[in-house]
Amino acid sequence: MDRLFSQVREVVPEAFDILSTLLNQVDDLYSKGARSFLFLTVPPTNRAPLFVEQGTNAAANMGTYISEYNTQLTESVQTFKSKYPDLDTVTVMDTQPIFNVLLDEWQTFGFVNITGYCAAYENGTPTPTYQVEGCAPVSSYL
């Protein structure tokens, strides 16, 4: 796993810089009195249209990177907890199961498209129910 981590870190160093920055900010919050923390893992963004369109290798590679990042996040939170014994609630919420259910059962939840998007919405919309002619309402895309 250490070899994989070093390979991932070389390919996607920005992600681990983000993790380092996050942990520094958490230490800062602790120093200012915060004692309860909620950490969210990265959802399965390898299933997002950007990676799906690039093919199975790109999606699989991103899945590996996400998994390793989430592992490092979980391990870092454990270190954080042992560093500060006076913490209250510290939780790592795994977002993968929730998003996988949404992606696997998309029709049940009323989504019309989980593998693409309407280009008219790529920079955001003024309301959650906004709709452009030729596209489904923005709220129907996952």
Protein backbone atom coordinates (compact mmCIF):
# COMPACT_ATOMS: atom_id res chain seq x y z
CA MET A 1 0.00 0.00 0.00
CA ASP A 2 2.88 2.39 0.72
CA ARG A 3 4.17 1.90 -2.82
CA LEU A 4 0.72 2.62 -4.23
CA PHE A 5 0.41 5.71 -2.03
CA SER A 6 3.72 7.09 -3.31
CA GLN A 7 2.66 6.41 -6.91
CA VAL A 8 -0.69 8.12 -6.38
CA ARG A 9 0.99 11.04 -4.62
CA GLU A 10 3.26 11.53 -7.66
CA VAL A 11 0.36 11.50 -10.09
CA VAL A 12 -2.12 13.57 -8.07
CA PRO A 13 -0.01 15.63 -5.65
CA GLU A 14 -2.61 18.39 -5.42
CA ALA A 15 -5.06 16.06 -3.68
CA PHE A 16 -2.59 15.32 -0.92
CA ASP A 17 -1.67 19.00 -0.64
CA ILE A 18 -5.37 19.59 -0.05
CA LEU A 19 -5.37 16.92 2.68
CA SER A 20 -2.36 18.54 4.33
CA THR A 21 -4.05 21.95 4.20
CA LEU A 22 -7.25 20.47 5.63
CA LEU A 23 -5.39 18.91 8.54
CA ASN A 24 -3.57 22.18 9.26
CA GLN A 25 -6.91 24.00 9.32
CA VAL A 26 -8.34 21.39 11.68
CA ASP A 27 -5.40 21.91 14.03
CA ASP A 28 -6.07 25.65 13.86
CA LEU A 29 -9.75 25.12 14.68
CA TYR A 30 -8.74 22.92 17.61
CA SER A 31 -6.41 25.64 18.90
CA LYS A 32 -9.37 28.05 18.79
CA GLY A 33 -11.58 25.76 20.87
CA ALA A 34 -13.29 23.42 18.40
CA ARG A 35 -13.66 19.91 19.80
CA SER A 36 -16.15 18.21 17.45
CA PHE A 37 -15.37 17.48 13.83
CA LEU A 38 -17.06 15.81 10.87
CA PHE A 39 -14.88 14.66 7.98
CA LEU A 40 -16.44 13.56 4.68
CA THR A 41 -14.67 11.14 2.37
CA VAL A 42 -14.49 11.86 -1.34
CA PRO A 43 -17.53 10.40 -3.12
CA PRO A 44 -17.13 8.12 -6.15
CA THR A 45 -16.34 10.95 -8.55
CA ASN A 46 -14.74 8.35 -10.79
CA ARG A 47 -18.35 7.69 -11.84
CA ALA A 48 -18.81 11.33 -12.92
CA PRO A 49 -19.31 12.07 -16.63
CA LEU A 50 -15.82 13.60 -16.88
CA PHE A 51 -14.18 10.26 -16.07
CA VAL A 52 -16.80 7.98 -17.62
CA GLU A 53 -16.29 9.75 -20.96
CA GLN A 54 -12.52 9.13 -20.75
CA GLY A 55 -13.00 5.36 -20.59
CA THR A 56 -12.75 2.58 -18.08
CA ASN A 57 -9.01 3.03 -17.41
CA ALA A 58 -9.38 6.69 -16.47
CA ALA A 59 -12.36 5.92 -14.24
CA ALA A 60 -10.57 2.98 -12.60
CA ASN A 61 -7.43 5.05 -11.98
CA MET A 62 -9.46 7.83 -10.42
CA GLY A 63 -11.25 5.26 -8.27
CA THR A 64 -7.86 4.09 -7.00
CA TYR A 65 -6.78 7.67 -6.24
CA ILE A 66 -10.01 8.37 -4.40
CA SER A 67 -9.72 5.19 -2.37
CA GLU A 68 -6.16 6.01 -1.36
CA TYR A 69 -7.07 9.59 -0.46
CA ASN A 70 -9.96 8.37 1.68
CA THR A 71 -7.67 5.87 3.40
CA GLN A 72 -5.15 8.60 4.13
CA LEU A 73 -7.92 10.87 5.42
CA THR A 74 -9.21 8.16 7.77
CA GLU A 75 -5.71 7.38 9.05
CA SER A 76 -4.99 11.10 9.54
CA VAL A 77 -8.19 11.54 11.53
CA GLN A 78 -7.15 8.64 13.78
CA THR A 79 -3.82 10.38 14.36
CA PHE A 80 -5.64 13.63 15.07
CA LYS A 81 -7.86 11.88 17.63
CA SER A 82 -4.89 10.37 19.42
CA LYS A 83 -3.07 13.71 19.42
CA TYR A 84 -5.92 15.49 21.24
CA PRO A 85 -7.52 13.27 23.91
CA ASP A 86 -10.01 15.99 24.96
CA LEU A 87 -11.93 15.87 21.65
CA ASP A 88 -15.67 15.37 21.76
CA THR A 89 -17.21 13.84 18.63
CA VAL A 90 -14.92 13.15 15.69
CA THR A 91 -16.54 11.30 12.81
CA VAL A 92 -15.42 10.23 9.36
CA MET A 93 -18.50 9.84 7.19
CA ASP A 94 -17.99 7.57 4.22
CA THR A 95 -19.87 9.21 1.35
CA GLN A 96 -19.24 6.32 -1.05
CA PRO A 97 -22.25 4.15 -0.04
CA ILE A 98 -24.72 7.04 -0.27
CA PHE A 99 -23.52 8.17 -3.68
CA ASN A 100 -23.29 4.63 -5.00
CA VAL A 101 -26.93 4.02 -4.06
CA LEU A 102 -27.92 7.28 -5.78
CA LEU A 103 -25.96 6.30 -8.88
CA ASP A 104 -27.13 2.68 -8.92
CA GLU A 105 -30.79 3.45 -8.23
CA TRP A 106 -30.95 6.80 -10.04
CA GLN A 107 -34.41 6.27 -11.53
CA THR A 108 -35.86 5.58 -8.08
CA PHE A 109 -34.71 9.02 -7.00
CA GLY A 110 -36.08 10.80 -10.09
CA PHE A 111 -32.85 11.55 -11.91
CA VAL A 112 -32.93 11.47 -15.71
CA ASN A 113 -29.22 11.41 -16.40
CA ILE A 114 -26.27 10.21 -14.33
CA THR A 115 -23.62 9.95 -17.05
CA GLY A 116 -23.93 13.32 -18.76
CA TYR A 117 -25.02 16.87 -18.25
CA CYS A 118 -26.58 19.77 -20.09
CA ALA A 119 -23.84 22.22 -21.09
CA ALA A 120 -26.20 25.11 -20.32
CA TYR A 121 -25.90 24.20 -16.63
CA GLU A 122 -22.13 23.75 -16.39
CA ASN A 123 -21.58 27.11 -14.64
CA GLY A 124 -24.49 26.81 -12.24
CA THR A 125 -28.08 27.98 -12.33
CA PRO A 126 -30.04 30.68 -10.51
CA THR A 127 -32.45 28.22 -8.86
CA PRO A 128 -32.57 24.44 -8.17
CA THR A 129 -35.55 24.02 -10.53
CA TYR A 130 -34.14 26.12 -13.38
CA GLN A 131 -34.68 24.70 -16.86
CA VAL A 132 -33.30 25.57 -20.26
CA GLU A 133 -35.16 24.54 -23.41
CA GLY A 134 -33.79 21.24 -24.66
CA CYS A 135 -32.60 20.17 -21.21
CA ALA A 136 -34.32 18.50 -18.29
CA PRO A 137 -34.64 20.64 -15.15
CA VAL A 138 -31.27 21.02 -13.47
CA SER A 139 -32.55 19.17 -10.40
CA SER A 140 -32.99 15.99 -12.44
CA TYR A 141 -29.26 15.59 -13.08
CA LEU A 142 -27.12 13.93 -10.42
